[in-house]
């Protein structure tokens, strides 16, 4: 073979490689080695693998973390059937009907539509190989550049084409009626959907044993969909949001292959202060600022044995939709207050609440919501009198809101107010307790916050060491090592 022939063959080979890299991008995504290797995207790999067990998955993460692209990659695999050898997740053994759902058609043009098909003038350069796109994708009326649907060749595990998959781009703007009726195999929500659209799409996958994946940055605060994937208002530590639901997260905690530290710094500088947590950590934007701007890890502690000589007190917030009580123990030597127990229940009669609270120690003095001393809408009686007559050791709390919050903040900030990690409802409210843009505290899901404020503000006036007559019942056994009020 002459040098010229060798050069021609080399050029042809290079041209073929260039063509494949451009129009068969799926083959080069998440390789074993290199800058964008699979091991550099562990969150995406966990998301994929979880599909073998969970029909609902969420990737709730920071901006530019690769969440939308990762889900688009999985969408492309399901549409084509071209699963790589390393794939451990969900596999469809037939052509599928898929929906890709975004906020608006315009927003999807440069996000998930581009990931799948490529730019409008270069379709076939996305994750769906050009040779796999059957015909011309249809356009969305009155939205220049937006696609409505496309057909994709599907191949079985033996490499034989066995039909066409269909992918439809849908938007929240279309309203819930447009999501009714169909049976769908796969739904990818690119950005957070309204709850009704999410559940409607989930219903569409019920008869097909289909899957739903939602990828979003929680810029809309603690929404219903966010709480479905993050029930404790943060990514579950074991990634299991429920028996049926998986969630993974990603924050800017170092250089990301496709997002350098320099680029992260530039973007941080452009974000509004109240956006930073959501955009860089994947935690919800809740308002203009936290009421208690302290790190949760500096507040939470493991449960400890509570000595008998530590005084106790409690705070009590009453209400029909939610009644809450928080119990405290005071370490006088170190001037540290421990919030060690909580009661959190709604839609129950006062007698039910009273019995549950007395079971934690009827001798413990309780600072109750002063509003309980006003007639109730139900029958004109005063809850304060009712609870007193039921045997609770109560007094009216000091309801100075600003002063109470300042008391709590000073103790949180100096490590003199600790919360047992078992008080999960308190910690949920702690994470959501925010000022709005007008500087007012958001009055939502704050019952334990109010109860704690009553206790902290009034507790030093009413605190009490366990009376001698309760000593025998105070312990679960004679060893004096277990406190039945806390379980520790």
Protein backbone atom coordinates (compact mmCIF):
# COMPACT_ATOMS: atom_id res chain seq x y z
CA UNK A 1 0.00 0.00 0.00
CA UNK A 2 1.35 3.36 -1.01
CA UNK A 3 1.79 6.29 1.36
CA UNK A 4 -0.99 8.07 -0.49
CA UNK A 5 -3.39 5.18 0.03
CA UNK A 6 -2.51 5.02 3.71
CA UNK A 7 -3.12 8.75 4.07
CA UNK A 8 -6.48 8.45 2.30
CA UNK A 9 -7.54 5.57 4.54
CA UNK A 10 -6.43 7.49 7.64
CA UNK A 11 -8.37 10.55 6.53
CA UNK A 12 -11.43 8.40 5.86
CA UNK A 13 -11.10 6.82 9.31
CA UNK A 14 -10.72 10.20 10.98
CA UNK A 15 -13.69 11.49 9.03
CA UNK A 16 -15.75 8.50 10.15
CA UNK A 17 -14.74 9.05 13.80
CA UNK A 18 -15.61 12.74 13.53
CA UNK A 19 -18.97 11.87 11.98
CA UNK A 20 -19.76 9.30 14.69
CA UNK A 21 -18.77 11.66 17.48
CA UNK A 22 -21.04 14.31 15.98
CA UNK A 23 -24.03 12.20 14.94
CA UNK A 24 -23.75 9.21 17.31
CA UNK A 25 -23.11 11.10 20.53
CA UNK A 26 -24.84 8.43 22.58
CA UNK A 27 -21.91 6.05 21.98
CA UNK A 28 -19.44 8.52 23.50
CA UNK A 29 -21.43 9.63 26.56
CA UNK A 30 -20.28 8.56 30.04
CA UNK A 31 -17.20 6.64 28.86
CA UNK A 32 -15.07 4.50 31.15
CA UNK A 33 -12.15 6.93 31.14
CA UNK A 34 -11.46 10.55 30.29
CA UNK A 35 -12.61 13.95 31.47
CA UNK A 36 -16.29 12.99 31.43
CA UNK A 37 -15.88 9.42 32.67
CA UNK A 38 -18.66 7.67 34.54
CA UNK A 39 -16.81 7.65 37.86
CA UNK A 40 -16.77 11.46 37.80
CA UNK A 41 -20.57 11.52 37.82
CA UNK A 42 -21.44 9.24 40.79
CA UNK A 43 -24.83 10.86 41.37
CA UNK A 44 -25.92 10.13 37.80
CA UNK A 45 -24.76 6.53 38.11
CA UNK A 46 -26.78 6.08 41.31
CA UNK A 47 -29.83 7.61 39.62
CA UNK A 48 -29.54 5.17 36.73
CA UNK A 49 -28.98 2.11 38.92
CA UNK A 50 -31.95 2.98 41.12
CA UNK A 51 -34.24 2.46 38.13
CA UNK A 52 -33.91 -1.29 38.66
CA UNK A 53 -35.88 -0.90 41.92
CA UNK A 54 -37.84 2.37 41.88
CA UNK A 55 -40.51 3.55 39.45
CA UNK A 56 -40.24 7.13 40.74
CA UNK A 57 -36.91 8.88 40.93
CA UNK A 58 -35.85 12.45 41.63
CA UNK A 59 -32.60 14.29 40.94
CA UNK A 60 -32.98 17.40 43.12
CA UNK A 61 -29.80 19.36 42.68
CA UNK A 62 -27.93 22.59 42.08
CA UNK A 63 -27.94 24.41 38.76
CA UNK A 64 -25.58 23.09 36.09
CA UNK A 65 -24.95 19.87 37.98
CA UNK A 66 -25.78 17.66 34.98
CA UNK A 67 -29.19 16.51 36.19
CA UNK A 68 -31.17 17.30 33.02
CA UNK A 69 -28.50 15.82 30.75
CA UNK A 70 -28.33 12.66 32.85
CA UNK A 71 -32.08 12.07 32.57
CA UNK A 72 -31.97 12.92 28.84
CA UNK A 73 -29.27 10.25 28.45
CA UNK A 74 -31.53 7.66 30.07
CA UNK A 75 -34.44 8.84 27.91
CA UNK A 76 -32.33 8.26 24.80
CA UNK A 77 -31.45 4.73 25.92
CA UNK A 78 -35.09 3.81 26.48
CA UNK A 79 -36.19 5.32 23.17
CA UNK A 80 -33.52 3.47 21.16
CA UNK A 81 -32.95 0.29 23.19
CA UNK A 82 -29.19 0.86 22.83
CA UNK A 83 -28.23 0.13 26.43
CA UNK A 84 -24.47 0.10 27.08
CA UNK A 85 -22.83 -3.00 28.58
CA UNK A 86 -22.35 -1.25 31.95
CA UNK A 87 -26.04 -0.34 32.32
CA UNK A 88 -27.62 -1.63 35.58
CA UNK A 89 -30.86 0.32 35.60
CA UNK A 90 -34.32 -0.03 34.10
CA UNK A 91 -34.57 -1.62 30.62
CA UNK A 92 -37.55 -1.58 28.30
CA UNK A 93 -37.74 -4.59 25.96
CA UNK A 94 -39.97 -2.88 23.39
CA UNK A 95 -40.49 0.50 21.72
CA UNK A 96 -41.87 3.01 24.18
CA UNK A 97 -44.14 6.02 24.39
CA UNK A 98 -42.30 8.80 26.23
CA UNK A 99 -43.16 12.27 27.47
CA UNK A 100 -40.58 14.92 28.20
CA UNK A 101 -42.24 17.64 30.25
CA UNK A 102 -40.95 21.18 30.81
CA UNK A 103 -42.17 24.51 32.08
CA UNK A 104 -42.65 25.94 28.59
CA UNK A 105 -41.81 25.05 25.00
CA UNK A 106 -39.45 28.02 24.77
CA UNK A 107 -37.56 26.92 27.87
CA UNK A 108 -37.09 23.39 26.53
CA UNK A 109 -35.55 24.44 23.21
CA UNK A 110 -32.11 25.00 24.70
CA UNK A 111 -32.35 22.39 27.44
CA UNK A 112 -33.78 18.91 27.11
CA UNK A 113 -34.82 19.28 23.45
CA UNK A 114 -31.26 20.25 22.61
CA UNK A 115 -29.89 17.37 24.72
CA UNK A 116 -31.98 14.84 22.81
CA UNK A 117 -32.01 16.17 19.25
CA UNK A 118 -29.33 18.85 19.10
CA UNK A 119 -29.81 22.46 17.95
CA UNK A 120 -32.63 22.99 15.45
CA UNK A 121 -30.22 23.59 12.58
CA UNK A 122 -28.16 20.50 13.50
CA UNK A 123 -30.67 17.90 14.62
CA UNK A 124 -29.06 14.51 15.00
CA UNK A 125 -26.16 15.90 17.00
CA UNK A 126 -27.92 15.26 20.32
CA UNK A 127 -28.14 12.04 22.30
CA UNK A 128 -30.52 10.45 19.77
CA UNK A 129 -28.24 9.30 16.91
CA UNK A 130 -29.09 10.92 13.60
CA UNK A 131 -29.63 7.56 11.89
CA UNK A 132 -32.17 6.64 14.58
CA UNK A 133 -34.51 9.60 14.01
CA UNK A 134 -37.33 8.47 11.77
CA UNK A 135 -38.60 11.23 9.52
CA UNK A 136 -38.77 14.90 10.41
CA UNK A 137 -39.66 15.85 14.00
CA UNK A 138 -42.92 17.80 14.08
CA UNK A 139 -42.89 21.45 15.12
CA UNK A 140 -44.88 23.01 17.92
CA UNK A 141 -47.29 25.58 16.49
CA UNK A 142 -46.53 29.26 17.13
CA UNK A 143 -43.26 28.51 19.00
CA UNK A 144 -40.32 28.98 16.60
CA UNK A 145 -37.64 26.37 17.12
CA UNK A 146 -39.72 24.16 19.40
CA UNK A 147 -40.43 20.53 18.55
CA UNK A 148 -43.64 18.74 19.47
CA UNK A 149 -42.86 15.09 18.74
CA UNK A 150 -40.42 12.76 17.01
CA UNK A 151 -40.19 9.07 16.13
CA UNK A 152 -37.14 7.02 16.98
CA UNK A 153 -36.03 3.57 15.82
CA UNK A 154 -35.91 1.00 18.60
CA UNK A 155 -33.68 -2.07 18.64
CA UNK A 156 -34.08 -5.25 20.67
CA UNK A 157 -31.31 -6.89 22.70
CA UNK A 158 -30.16 -8.81 19.61
CA UNK A 159 -29.63 -5.63 17.62
CA UNK A 160 -32.71 -6.00 15.41
CA UNK A 161 -35.09 -3.12 14.85
CA UNK A 162 -38.43 -4.00 16.40
CA UNK A 163 -40.42 -0.81 15.92
CA UNK A 164 -40.56 2.91 16.57
CA UNK A 165 -40.57 4.73 19.89
CA UNK A 166 -42.46 8.00 20.16
CA UNK A 167 -41.28 10.99 22.22
CA UNK A 168 -43.60 13.94 22.84
CA UNK A 169 -42.56 17.26 24.34
CA UNK A 170 -45.23 18.59 26.71
CA UNK A 171 -45.38 21.64 28.99
CA UNK A 172 -46.99 22.80 32.22
CA UNK A 173 -48.58 25.59 30.19
CA UNK A 174 -50.82 23.09 28.40
CA UNK A 175 -52.70 22.38 31.63
CA UNK A 176 -53.60 19.10 33.27
CA UNK A 177 -56.27 18.17 30.72
CA UNK A 178 -53.58 17.61 28.08
CA UNK A 179 -51.99 14.92 30.26
CA UNK A 180 -55.11 12.78 30.65
CA UNK A 181 -56.06 9.57 28.93
CA UNK A 182 -52.85 8.15 27.48
CA UNK A 183 -50.83 5.15 28.70
CA UNK A 184 -47.17 6.15 28.83
CA UNK A 185 -43.98 4.15 29.50
CA UNK A 186 -41.58 6.93 30.43
CA UNK A 187 -41.90 10.51 31.73
CA UNK A 188 -39.02 12.90 32.32
CA UNK A 189 -39.89 16.13 34.11
CA UNK A 190 -37.24 18.69 33.24
CA UNK A 191 -37.79 21.17 36.09
CA UNK A 192 -40.30 20.86 38.89
CA UNK A 193 -43.93 20.25 37.87
CA UNK A 194 -47.11 21.22 39.73
CA UNK A 195 -48.36 18.41 41.97
CA UNK A 196 -51.49 17.71 39.91
CA UNK A 197 -49.50 17.29 36.68
CA UNK A 198 -46.96 15.08 38.42
CA UNK A 199 -49.59 12.74 39.82
CA UNK A 200 -51.52 12.69 36.54
CA UNK A 201 -48.37 11.62 34.68
CA UNK A 202 -47.67 9.02 37.35
CA UNK A 203 -51.17 7.66 36.73
CA UNK A 204 -50.43 7.48 33.00
CA UNK A 205 -47.58 5.02 33.75
CA UNK A 206 -49.61 2.77 36.07
CA UNK A 207 -50.87 0.31 33.44
CA UNK A 208 -47.50 0.09 31.66
CA UNK A 209 -45.33 -0.34 34.77
CA UNK A 210 -43.63 2.77 33.49
CA UNK A 211 -41.17 5.09 35.17
CA UNK A 212 -41.12 8.77 36.13
CA UNK A 213 -37.96 10.82 36.68
CA UNK A 214 -38.01 14.44 37.87
CA UNK A 215 -34.89 16.61 37.63
CA UNK A 216 -35.07 20.08 39.16
CA UNK A 217 -33.53 22.79 41.27
CA UNK A 218 -36.02 23.69 44.05
CA UNK A 219 -36.42 27.38 43.26
CA UNK A 220 -40.13 27.31 44.19
CA UNK A 221 -39.49 26.57 47.84
CA UNK A 222 -40.88 23.68 49.83
CA UNK A 223 -43.48 22.59 47.31
CA UNK A 224 -45.61 19.46 47.47
CA UNK A 225 -43.47 17.73 44.83
CA UNK A 226 -40.27 18.70 46.65
CA UNK A 227 -41.61 17.18 49.87
CA UNK A 228 -42.47 13.96 48.03
CA UNK A 229 -38.79 13.45 47.24
CA UNK A 230 -37.36 15.20 50.30
CA UNK A 231 -39.84 14.45 53.11
CA UNK A 232 -37.47 15.82 55.76
CA UNK A 233 -36.70 18.86 53.58
CA UNK A 234 -33.31 17.52 52.58
CA UNK A 235 -32.05 14.70 50.36
CA UNK A 236 -32.62 11.42 52.24
CA UNK A 237 -29.32 10.05 53.55
CA UNK A 238 -30.03 6.60 52.14
CA UNK A 239 -31.67 8.10 49.02
CA UNK A 240 -34.95 6.31 49.72
CA UNK A 241 -37.60 9.03 49.97
CA UNK A 242 -40.21 6.34 50.56
CA UNK A 243 -40.72 2.66 49.87
CA UNK A 244 -41.50 3.54 46.25
CA UNK A 245 -39.47 6.67 45.62
CA UNK A 246 -35.74 7.42 45.20
CA UNK A 247 -33.95 10.76 45.39
CA UNK A 248 -30.39 11.86 44.70
CA UNK A 249 -28.82 15.31 45.02
CA UNK A 250 -25.75 17.23 43.95
CA UNK A 251 -24.27 20.48 45.22
CA UNK A 252 -21.28 22.56 44.25
CA UNK A 253 -18.77 20.99 46.63
CA UNK A 254 -15.80 20.93 44.29
CA UNK A 255 -14.95 21.06 40.61
CA UNK A 256 -17.46 19.35 38.33
CA UNK A 257 -16.04 18.01 35.03
CA UNK A 258 -18.22 20.33 32.96
CA UNK A 259 -18.24 23.24 35.47
CA UNK A 260 -14.91 24.60 36.72
CA UNK A 261 -14.39 26.27 40.08
CA UNK A 262 -13.81 29.55 38.25
CA UNK A 263 -17.14 29.26 36.48
CA UNK A 264 -18.86 28.37 39.75
CA UNK A 265 -17.38 31.47 41.40
CA UNK A 266 -18.54 33.68 38.52
CA UNK A 267 -22.07 32.30 38.73
CA UNK A 268 -22.20 32.62 42.53
CA UNK A 269 -21.42 36.28 42.16
CA UNK A 270 -24.44 36.79 39.90
CA UNK A 271 -27.01 34.98 42.09
CA UNK A 272 -29.23 36.89 44.50
CA UNK A 273 -28.39 36.05 48.15
CA UNK A 274 -31.66 34.20 48.74
CA UNK A 275 -31.08 32.08 45.62
CA UNK A 276 -27.65 30.78 46.58
CA UNK A 277 -28.77 27.81 48.67
CA UNK A 278 -31.09 26.49 45.97
CA UNK A 279 -28.86 27.19 43.00
CA UNK A 280 -25.60 25.91 44.49
CA UNK A 281 -26.74 23.27 46.99
CA UNK A 282 -30.08 22.06 45.69
CA UNK A 283 -31.87 23.10 48.88
CA UNK A 284 -35.16 24.99 48.51
CA UNK A 285 -35.38 28.75 48.23
CA UNK A 286 -37.66 29.65 51.13
CA UNK A 287 -37.66 33.41 51.36
CA UNK A 288 -35.43 36.41 51.84
CA UNK A 289 -33.57 34.85 54.74
CA UNK A 290 -33.58 32.29 57.52
CA UNK A 291 -34.92 33.37 60.90
CA UNK A 292 -32.14 31.32 62.48
CA UNK A 293 -29.14 31.64 60.11
CA UNK A 294 -27.09 28.92 61.81
CA UNK A 295 -25.82 25.64 60.41
CA UNK A 296 -28.08 22.73 61.27
CA UNK A 297 -25.11 20.58 62.25
CA UNK A 298 -24.29 23.13 64.96
CA UNK A 299 -27.79 22.77 66.42
CA UNK A 300 -28.52 19.05 66.23
CA UNK A 301 -27.06 16.53 68.66
CA UNK A 302 -27.41 12.83 69.40
CA UNK A 303 -29.79 12.02 72.28
CA UNK A 304 -28.08 11.89 75.68
CA UNK A 305 -29.08 10.67 79.13
CA UNK A 306 -30.78 13.51 80.97
CA UNK A 307 -29.75 13.68 84.68
CA UNK A 308 -32.47 13.88 87.31
CA UNK A 309 -31.22 17.16 88.68
CA UNK A 310 -31.68 18.97 85.36
CA UNK A 311 -34.88 21.07 85.50
CA UNK A 312 -37.54 20.50 82.86
CA UNK A 313 -40.13 22.71 81.15
CA UNK A 314 -42.15 22.70 77.94
CA UNK A 315 -43.81 24.99 75.39
CA UNK A 316 -47.27 24.29 74.00
CA UNK A 317 -48.91 25.68 70.83
CA UNK A 318 -52.59 24.85 70.38
CA UNK A 319 -54.67 24.62 67.24
CA UNK A 320 -57.13 22.37 65.45
CA UNK A 321 -55.05 21.78 62.32
CA UNK A 322 -51.90 21.28 64.36
CA UNK A 323 -51.14 21.08 68.06
CA UNK A 324 -47.48 21.00 69.09
CA UNK A 325 -45.52 20.65 72.30
CA UNK A 326 -41.75 20.86 72.83
CA UNK A 327 -39.98 19.56 75.97
CA UNK A 328 -36.73 21.00 77.33
CA UNK A 329 -34.09 20.03 79.90
CA UNK A 330 -31.67 22.60 81.32
CA UNK A 331 -28.02 21.85 82.03
CA UNK A 332 -27.43 24.54 84.66
CA UNK A 333 -23.70 23.87 84.95
CA UNK A 334 -23.00 24.67 81.29
CA UNK A 335 -26.04 26.91 80.66
CA UNK A 336 -27.21 24.64 77.82
CA UNK A 337 -30.86 23.88 77.03
CA UNK A 338 -31.72 20.60 75.30
CA UNK A 339 -34.90 20.25 73.26
CA UNK A 340 -35.35 16.52 73.78
CA UNK A 341 -38.96 15.70 72.91
CA UNK A 342 -41.86 16.81 70.77
CA UNK A 343 -45.57 16.19 70.23
CA UNK A 344 -47.04 16.97 66.81
CA UNK A 345 -50.62 16.12 65.89
CA UNK A 346 -53.61 17.70 64.19
CA UNK A 347 -57.35 17.20 63.91
CA UNK A 348 -57.88 15.71 67.37
CA UNK A 349 -59.82 16.71 70.48
CA UNK A 350 -58.14 18.49 73.38
CA UNK A 351 -58.54 15.40 75.58
CA UNK A 352 -56.43 13.34 73.19
CA UNK A 353 -53.67 15.94 73.17
CA UNK A 354 -53.80 16.26 76.95
CA UNK A 355 -53.40 12.54 77.59
CA UNK A 356 -50.46 12.28 75.20
CA UNK A 357 -48.73 15.27 76.79
CA UNK A 358 -49.31 14.08 80.36
CA UNK A 359 -47.78 10.73 79.44
CA UNK A 360 -44.47 12.50 78.96
CA UNK A 361 -44.51 13.71 82.57
CA UNK A 362 -47.59 15.44 83.99
CA UNK A 363 -45.45 17.23 86.55
CA UNK A 364 -43.51 19.15 83.87
CA UNK A 365 -44.52 22.84 83.79
CA UNK A 366 -45.78 24.00 80.40
CA UNK A 367 -45.89 27.48 78.89
CA UNK A 368 -49.01 27.48 76.72
CA UNK A 369 -50.01 29.72 73.82
CA UNK A 370 -51.67 32.76 75.48
CA UNK A 371 -54.31 32.70 72.73
CA UNK A 372 -55.64 29.55 74.41
CA UNK A 373 -57.18 31.84 77.03
CA UNK A 374 -59.62 33.29 74.49
CA UNK A 375 -62.95 31.62 73.66
CA UNK A 376 -62.71 29.03 70.89
CA UNK A 377 -64.83 29.27 67.77
CA UNK A 378 -66.16 25.80 68.44
CA UNK A 379 -68.13 26.29 71.64
CA UNK A 380 -66.93 29.44 73.37
CA UNK A 381 -64.92 27.60 76.02
CA UNK A 382 -61.36 28.54 76.78
CA UNK A 383 -58.77 25.92 75.88
CA UNK A 384 -56.58 27.12 78.74
CA UNK A 385 -59.29 26.16 81.21
CA UNK A 386 -59.93 22.86 79.43
CA UNK A 387 -56.30 21.82 79.51
CA UNK A 388 -55.90 22.94 83.12
CA UNK A 389 -58.93 20.89 84.14
CA UNK A 390 -57.48 17.90 82.31
CA UNK A 391 -54.44 17.93 84.56
CA UNK A 392 -51.79 19.78 82.57
CA UNK A 393 -49.38 21.90 84.63
CA UNK A 394 -49.80 25.02 82.48
CA UNK A 395 -49.28 28.76 82.61
CA UNK A 396 -49.66 31.45 79.97
CA UNK A 397 -46.51 31.98 77.92
CA UNK A 398 -44.74 35.23 77.21
CA UNK A 399 -45.62 35.80 73.55
CA UNK A 400 -43.07 38.50 72.76
CA UNK A 401 -42.22 37.29 69.23
CA UNK A 402 -39.11 39.36 68.49
CA UNK A 403 -37.66 38.91 71.96
CA UNK A 404 -38.38 35.18 71.90
CA UNK A 405 -36.72 34.72 68.54
CA UNK A 406 -33.72 36.72 69.72
CA UNK A 407 -33.46 34.51 72.81
CA UNK A 408 -33.43 31.39 70.65
CA UNK A 409 -31.03 32.85 68.09
CA UNK A 410 -28.51 33.88 70.75
CA UNK A 411 -28.56 30.38 72.22
CA UNK A 412 -28.37 28.65 68.83
CA UNK A 413 -25.47 30.89 67.80
CA UNK A 414 -23.48 30.19 70.97
CA UNK A 415 -24.18 26.46 71.17
CA UNK A 416 -26.41 26.83 74.25
CA UNK A 417 -29.58 25.46 72.64
CA UNK A 418 -29.31 21.95 71.26
CA UNK A 419 -31.94 19.77 69.57
CA UNK A 420 -32.04 15.98 69.72
CA UNK A 421 -31.91 14.61 66.19
CA UNK A 422 -34.98 12.52 67.03
CA UNK A 423 -37.11 15.70 66.99
CA UNK A 424 -37.68 15.43 63.25
CA UNK A 425 -40.78 17.64 63.08
CA UNK A 426 -39.00 20.47 64.87
CA UNK A 427 -36.06 20.19 62.47
CA UNK A 428 -38.39 20.24 59.46
CA UNK A 429 -39.89 23.50 60.68
CA UNK A 430 -36.45 24.87 61.59
CA UNK A 431 -35.37 24.46 57.96
CA UNK A 432 -38.47 26.29 56.66
CA UNK A 433 -38.59 29.09 59.23
CA UNK A 434 -37.97 32.14 57.04
CA UNK A 435 -38.48 35.85 56.63
CA UNK A 436 -40.23 36.85 53.42
CA UNK A 437 -39.00 39.63 51.15
CA UNK A 438 -40.89 42.18 53.28
CA UNK A 439 -39.17 41.07 56.46
CA UNK A 440 -42.15 39.25 57.93
CA UNK A 441 -41.92 35.72 59.28
CA UNK A 442 -43.72 33.24 57.06
CA UNK A 443 -46.64 31.96 59.14
CA UNK A 444 -46.68 28.44 57.78
CA UNK A 445 -45.61 25.15 59.37
CA UNK A 446 -44.32 26.96 62.47
CA UNK A 447 -46.20 25.27 65.32
CA UNK A 448 -43.15 23.77 67.00
CA UNK A 449 -41.27 27.01 66.38
CA UNK A 450 -43.95 28.81 68.38
CA UNK A 451 -44.01 26.11 71.05
CA UNK A 452 -40.23 26.32 71.41
CA UNK A 453 -40.35 30.09 71.62
CA UNK A 454 -42.95 29.92 74.40
CA UNK A 455 -40.78 27.44 76.26
CA UNK A 456 -37.51 29.32 75.88
CA UNK A 457 -39.06 32.69 76.71
CA UNK A 458 -40.97 31.48 79.76
CA UNK A 459 -39.11 28.34 80.80
CA UNK A 460 -36.71 29.90 83.28
CA UNK A 461 -39.66 31.25 85.26
CA UNK A 462 -41.40 27.87 85.53
CA UNK A 463 -38.65 25.21 85.21
CA UNK A 464 -38.82 22.41 87.75
CA UNK A 465 -36.78 19.43 88.89
CA UNK A 466 -38.71 16.18 89.07
CA UNK A 467 -40.62 15.99 92.37
CA UNK A 468 -39.78 13.10 94.69
CA UNK A 469 -43.22 11.53 94.33
CA UNK A 470 -42.52 10.92 90.63
CA UNK A 471 -39.07 9.32 91.11
CA UNK A 472 -40.25 5.70 90.95
CA UNK A 473 -42.25 6.17 87.75
CA UNK A 474 -39.62 8.33 86.14
CA UNK A 475 -37.41 5.39 85.21
CA UNK A 476 -38.24 2.37 83.14
CA UNK A 477 -36.12 0.23 85.45
CA UNK A 478 -34.35 0.54 88.79
CA UNK A 479 -30.95 1.05 87.20
CA UNK A 480 -31.68 4.74 86.73
CA UNK A 481 -30.28 4.69 83.17
CA UNK A 482 -33.40 5.11 81.04
CA UNK A 483 -35.69 8.07 80.89
CA UNK A 484 -39.16 7.10 79.64
CA UNK A 485 -39.82 10.70 78.63
CA UNK A 486 -37.18 10.45 75.90
CA UNK A 487 -36.59 6.75 75.49
CA UNK A 488 -32.90 7.19 76.29
